[in-house]
Amino acid sequence: MEARALIGWNLRRLRVAQGLSQERLALAAGIDRAYVGRVERGSENVTISTLEAMARALTVPLADLFVEPEAGAERPAPLRAGRRAKPG
């Protein structure tokens, strides 16, 4: 898998697993939401500094953005659309 696609795959996988929208991740990392979408699609040549910011926002090691998916793994599913219910 190409490096940009690999990073995008893992970014989406980690973000969705934590229930974060692209907007919330972007806000926490100090970057533009549209940029997060382009990174996830593999169309952006992201810098190491931005990768570090996103990994920090996700509270994962930077290396987690470079994990090869298992053969035949399906693309990570998107978050359900709409606002999440407020707790409690």
N, C-alpha and C. Protein backbone atom coordinates (compact mmCIF):
# COMPACT_ATOMS: atom_id res chain seq x y z
N MET A 1 0.86 -1.18 0.00
CA MET A 1 0.00 0.00 0.00
C MET A 1 0.90 1.24 0.00
N GLU A 2 0.53 2.24 -0.80
CA GLU A 2 1.28 3.49 -0.85
C GLU A 2 1.24 4.19 0.51
N ALA A 3 2.30 4.92 0.85
CA ALA A 3 2.42 5.55 2.17
C ALA A 3 1.26 6.48 2.48
N ARG A 4 0.86 7.34 1.53
CA ARG A 4 -0.24 8.27 1.81
C ARG A 4 -1.54 7.52 2.06
N ALA A 5 -1.79 6.48 1.30
CA ALA A 5 -3.01 5.68 1.49
C ALA A 5 -2.96 4.96 2.84
N LEU A 6 -1.79 4.47 3.21
CA LEU A 6 -1.61 3.77 4.48
C LEU A 6 -1.89 4.70 5.66
N ILE A 7 -1.35 5.90 5.60
CA ILE A 7 -1.58 6.88 6.66
C ILE A 7 -3.06 7.23 6.73
N GLY A 8 -3.68 7.46 5.59
CA GLY A 8 -5.11 7.79 5.56
C GLY A 8 -5.96 6.67 6.14
N TRP A 9 -5.64 5.45 5.77
CA TRP A 9 -6.36 4.26 6.26
C TRP A 9 -6.31 4.23 7.79
N ASN A 10 -5.10 4.36 8.33
CA ASN A 10 -4.92 4.28 9.78
C ASN A 10 -5.51 5.48 10.50
N LEU A 11 -5.40 6.65 9.92
CA LEU A 11 -5.97 7.83 10.54
C LEU A 11 -7.49 7.65 10.70
N ARG A 12 -8.13 7.22 9.64
CA ARG A 12 -9.59 7.01 9.71
C ARG A 12 -9.94 5.90 10.69
N ARG A 13 -9.19 4.79 10.65
CA ARG A 13 -9.43 3.66 11.56
C ARG A 13 -9.35 4.12 13.02
N LEU A 14 -8.30 4.85 13.36
CA LEU A 14 -8.10 5.29 14.73
C LEU A 14 -9.13 6.35 15.14
N ARG A 15 -9.43 7.26 14.24
CA ARG A 15 -10.40 8.33 14.53
C ARG A 15 -11.78 7.74 14.78
N VAL A 16 -12.22 6.85 13.89
CA VAL A 16 -13.55 6.24 14.02
C VAL A 16 -13.62 5.37 15.27
N ALA A 17 -12.55 4.64 15.58
CA ALA A 17 -12.53 3.79 16.77
C ALA A 17 -12.73 4.61 18.04
N GLN A 18 -12.29 5.86 18.00
CA GLN A 18 -12.44 6.74 19.17
C GLN A 18 -13.72 7.57 19.11
N GLY A 19 -14.48 7.40 18.03
CA GLY A 19 -15.74 8.12 17.90
C GLY A 19 -15.57 9.61 17.63
N LEU A 20 -14.44 9.98 17.04
CA LEU A 20 -14.17 11.39 16.74
C LEU A 20 -14.57 11.72 15.31
N SER A 21 -15.19 12.86 15.14
CA SER A 21 -15.46 13.36 13.79
C SER A 21 -14.18 13.96 13.23
N GLN A 22 -14.14 14.16 11.93
CA GLN A 22 -13.00 14.83 11.33
C GLN A 22 -12.84 16.22 11.92
N GLU A 23 -13.95 16.87 12.18
CA GLU A 23 -13.92 18.23 12.73
C GLU A 23 -13.30 18.25 14.12
N ARG A 24 -13.69 17.32 14.97
CA ARG A 24 -13.14 17.27 16.34
C ARG A 24 -11.66 16.93 16.32
N LEU A 25 -11.25 16.00 15.45
CA LEU A 25 -9.83 15.67 15.34
C LEU A 25 -9.05 16.89 14.86
N ALA A 26 -9.58 17.56 13.86
CA ALA A 26 -8.90 18.74 13.31
C ALA A 26 -8.75 19.81 14.38
N LEU A 27 -9.78 20.04 15.14
CA LEU A 27 -9.74 21.04 16.20
C LEU A 27 -8.68 20.68 17.24
N ALA A 28 -8.67 19.42 17.67
CA ALA A 28 -7.70 18.97 18.67
C ALA A 28 -6.26 19.03 18.16
N ALA A 29 -6.08 18.81 16.85
CA ALA A 29 -4.74 18.81 16.26
C ALA A 29 -4.31 20.18 15.76
N GLY A 30 -5.24 21.14 15.73
CA GLY A 30 -4.93 22.48 15.26
C GLY A 30 -4.75 22.58 13.75
N ILE A 31 -5.56 21.78 13.02
CA ILE A 31 -5.50 21.80 11.56
C ILE A 31 -6.91 21.95 10.99
N ASP A 32 -7.02 22.14 9.69
CA ASP A 32 -8.30 22.33 9.02
C ASP A 32 -9.02 21.00 8.83
N ARG A 33 -10.34 20.99 9.02
CA ARG A 33 -11.12 19.76 8.86
C ARG A 33 -11.01 19.19 7.46
N ALA A 34 -11.04 20.05 6.46
CA ALA A 34 -10.93 19.58 5.08
C ALA A 34 -9.59 18.89 4.84
N TYR A 35 -8.56 19.36 5.52
CA TYR A 35 -7.24 18.75 5.40
C TYR A 35 -7.27 17.32 5.94
N VAL A 36 -7.96 17.11 7.06
CA VAL A 36 -8.09 15.76 7.62
C VAL A 36 -8.74 14.84 6.60
N GLY A 37 -9.78 15.30 5.94
CA GLY A 37 -10.45 14.50 4.91
C GLY A 37 -9.52 14.15 3.76
N ARG A 38 -8.72 15.12 3.33
CA ARG A 38 -7.78 14.86 2.23
C ARG A 38 -6.70 13.86 2.65
N VAL A 39 -6.25 13.95 3.90
CA VAL A 39 -5.26 12.98 4.40
C VAL A 39 -5.88 11.59 4.43
N GLU A 40 -7.10 11.48 4.93
CA GLU A 40 -7.77 10.17 4.99
C GLU A 40 -7.99 9.58 3.60
N ARG A 41 -8.21 10.41 2.61
CA ARG A 41 -8.37 9.91 1.24
C ARG A 41 -7.04 9.63 0.55
N GLY A 42 -5.94 9.98 1.19
CA GLY A 42 -4.62 9.73 0.62
C GLY A 42 -4.25 10.72 -0.46
N SER A 43 -4.91 11.87 -0.49
CA SER A 43 -4.62 12.85 -1.54
C SER A 43 -3.73 13.99 -1.05
N GLU A 44 -3.31 13.93 0.19
CA GLU A 44 -2.48 15.00 0.76
C GLU A 44 -1.12 14.43 1.16
N ASN A 45 -0.06 15.15 0.83
CA ASN A 45 1.28 14.76 1.22
C ASN A 45 1.57 15.43 2.56
N VAL A 46 1.20 14.75 3.63
CA VAL A 46 1.21 15.31 4.98
C VAL A 46 2.63 15.39 5.55
N THR A 47 2.89 16.42 6.36
CA THR A 47 4.20 16.59 6.98
C THR A 47 4.29 15.78 8.27
N ILE A 48 5.51 15.53 8.70
CA ILE A 48 5.74 14.82 9.96
C ILE A 48 5.15 15.61 11.12
N SER A 49 5.29 16.92 11.11
CA SER A 49 4.74 17.76 12.19
C SER A 49 3.23 17.59 12.29
N THR A 50 2.55 17.53 11.16
CA THR A 50 1.10 17.35 11.17
C THR A 50 0.75 15.94 11.63
N LEU A 51 1.52 14.95 11.21
CA LEU A 51 1.28 13.58 11.69
C LEU A 51 1.44 13.51 13.20
N GLU A 52 2.45 14.18 13.72
CA GLU A 52 2.65 14.21 15.17
C GLU A 52 1.46 14.85 15.88
N ALA A 53 0.96 15.94 15.33
CA ALA A 53 -0.18 16.63 15.94
C ALA A 53 -1.42 15.74 15.94
N MET A 54 -1.64 15.03 14.84
CA MET A 54 -2.81 14.14 14.77
C MET A 54 -2.66 12.96 15.71
N ALA A 55 -1.47 12.39 15.79
CA ALA A 55 -1.23 11.27 16.71
C ALA A 55 -1.43 11.71 18.15
N ARG A 56 -0.95 12.90 18.50
CA ARG A 56 -1.15 13.43 19.86
C ARG A 56 -2.64 13.61 20.15
N ALA A 57 -3.36 14.17 19.18
CA ALA A 57 -4.80 14.38 19.35
C ALA A 57 -5.54 13.05 19.54
N LEU A 58 -5.04 12.00 18.89
CA LEU A 58 -5.65 10.67 19.01
C LEU A 58 -5.10 9.89 20.20
N THR A 59 -4.09 10.46 20.87
CA THR A 59 -3.37 9.81 21.99
C THR A 59 -2.86 8.42 21.61
N VAL A 60 -2.22 8.35 20.45
CA VAL A 60 -1.60 7.11 19.99
C VAL A 60 -0.15 7.40 19.58
N PRO A 61 0.70 6.38 19.59
CA PRO A 61 2.07 6.59 19.09
C PRO A 61 2.04 6.91 17.59
N LEU A 62 2.97 7.72 17.16
CA LEU A 62 3.07 8.09 15.75
C LEU A 62 3.15 6.84 14.87
N ALA A 63 3.81 5.81 15.33
CA ALA A 63 3.98 4.57 14.56
C ALA A 63 2.64 3.92 14.21
N ASP A 64 1.59 4.17 15.01
CA ASP A 64 0.28 3.58 14.73
C ASP A 64 -0.30 4.06 13.40
N LEU A 65 0.19 5.19 12.89
CA LEU A 65 -0.29 5.70 11.60
C LEU A 65 0.37 4.98 10.42
N PHE A 66 1.32 4.09 10.71
CA PHE A 66 2.05 3.38 9.66
C PHE A 66 1.86 1.87 9.70
N VAL A 67 0.86 1.39 10.43
CA VAL A 67 0.60 -0.05 10.56
C VAL A 67 -0.06 -0.56 9.29
N GLU A 68 0.51 -1.62 8.70
CA GLU A 68 -0.06 -2.23 7.49
C GLU A 68 -1.33 -3.00 7.86
N PRO A 69 -2.43 -2.80 7.14
CA PRO A 69 -3.64 -3.59 7.42
C PRO A 69 -3.43 -5.04 6.98
N GLU A 70 -4.18 -5.92 7.60
CA GLU A 70 -4.11 -7.33 7.23
C GLU A 70 -4.62 -7.51 5.80
N ALA A 71 -4.12 -8.52 5.13
CA ALA A 71 -4.56 -8.81 3.76
C ALA A 71 -6.07 -9.01 3.73
N GLY A 72 -6.74 -8.33 2.82
CA GLY A 72 -8.18 -8.45 2.67
C GLY A 72 -9.00 -7.63 3.65
N ALA A 73 -8.34 -6.83 4.48
CA ALA A 73 -9.07 -6.00 5.44
C ALA A 73 -9.94 -4.99 4.70
N GLU A 74 -11.14 -4.79 5.23
CA GLU A 74 -12.06 -3.82 4.62
C GLU A 74 -11.72 -2.42 5.10
N ARG A 75 -12.00 -1.44 4.25
CA ARG A 75 -11.77 -0.04 4.59
C ARG A 75 -12.55 0.30 5.85
N PRO A 76 -11.96 1.06 6.77
CA PRO A 76 -12.68 1.43 7.99
C PRO A 76 -13.99 2.15 7.66
N ALA A 77 -15.04 1.78 8.35
CA ALA A 77 -16.35 2.38 8.12
C ALA A 77 -16.38 3.81 8.65
N PRO A 78 -17.18 4.67 8.06
CA PRO A 78 -17.29 6.04 8.57
C PRO A 78 -18.13 6.07 9.83
N LEU A 79 -18.05 7.18 10.54
CA LEU A 79 -18.93 7.39 11.69
C LEU A 79 -20.35 7.57 11.20
N ARG A 80 -21.31 7.24 12.02
CA ARG A 80 -22.70 7.48 11.70
C ARG A 80 -22.92 8.98 11.60
N ALA A 81 -23.68 9.42 10.63
CA ALA A 81 -23.94 10.84 10.43
C ALA A 81 -24.82 11.39 11.54
N GLY A 82 -24.70 12.67 11.78
CA GLY A 82 -25.54 13.34 12.78
C GLY A 82 -24.82 13.53 14.09
N ARG A 83 -25.49 14.21 14.97
CA ARG A 83 -24.90 14.51 16.26
C ARG A 83 -25.06 13.32 17.21
N ARG A 84 -24.06 13.17 18.08
CA ARG A 84 -24.16 12.13 19.09
C ARG A 84 -25.08 12.58 20.21
N ALA A 85 -25.73 11.63 20.83
CA ALA A 85 -26.61 11.96 21.96
C ALA A 85 -25.77 12.44 23.14
N LYS A 86 -26.30 13.39 23.88
CA LYS A 86 -25.62 13.89 25.06
C LYS A 86 -25.72 12.85 26.16
N PRO A 87 -24.64 12.65 26.90
CA PRO A 87 -24.69 11.66 27.99
C PRO A 87 -25.66 12.10 29.09
N GLY A 88 -26.29 11.12 29.67
CA GLY A 88 -27.03 11.29 30.78
C GLY A 88 -28.25 11.78 31.16
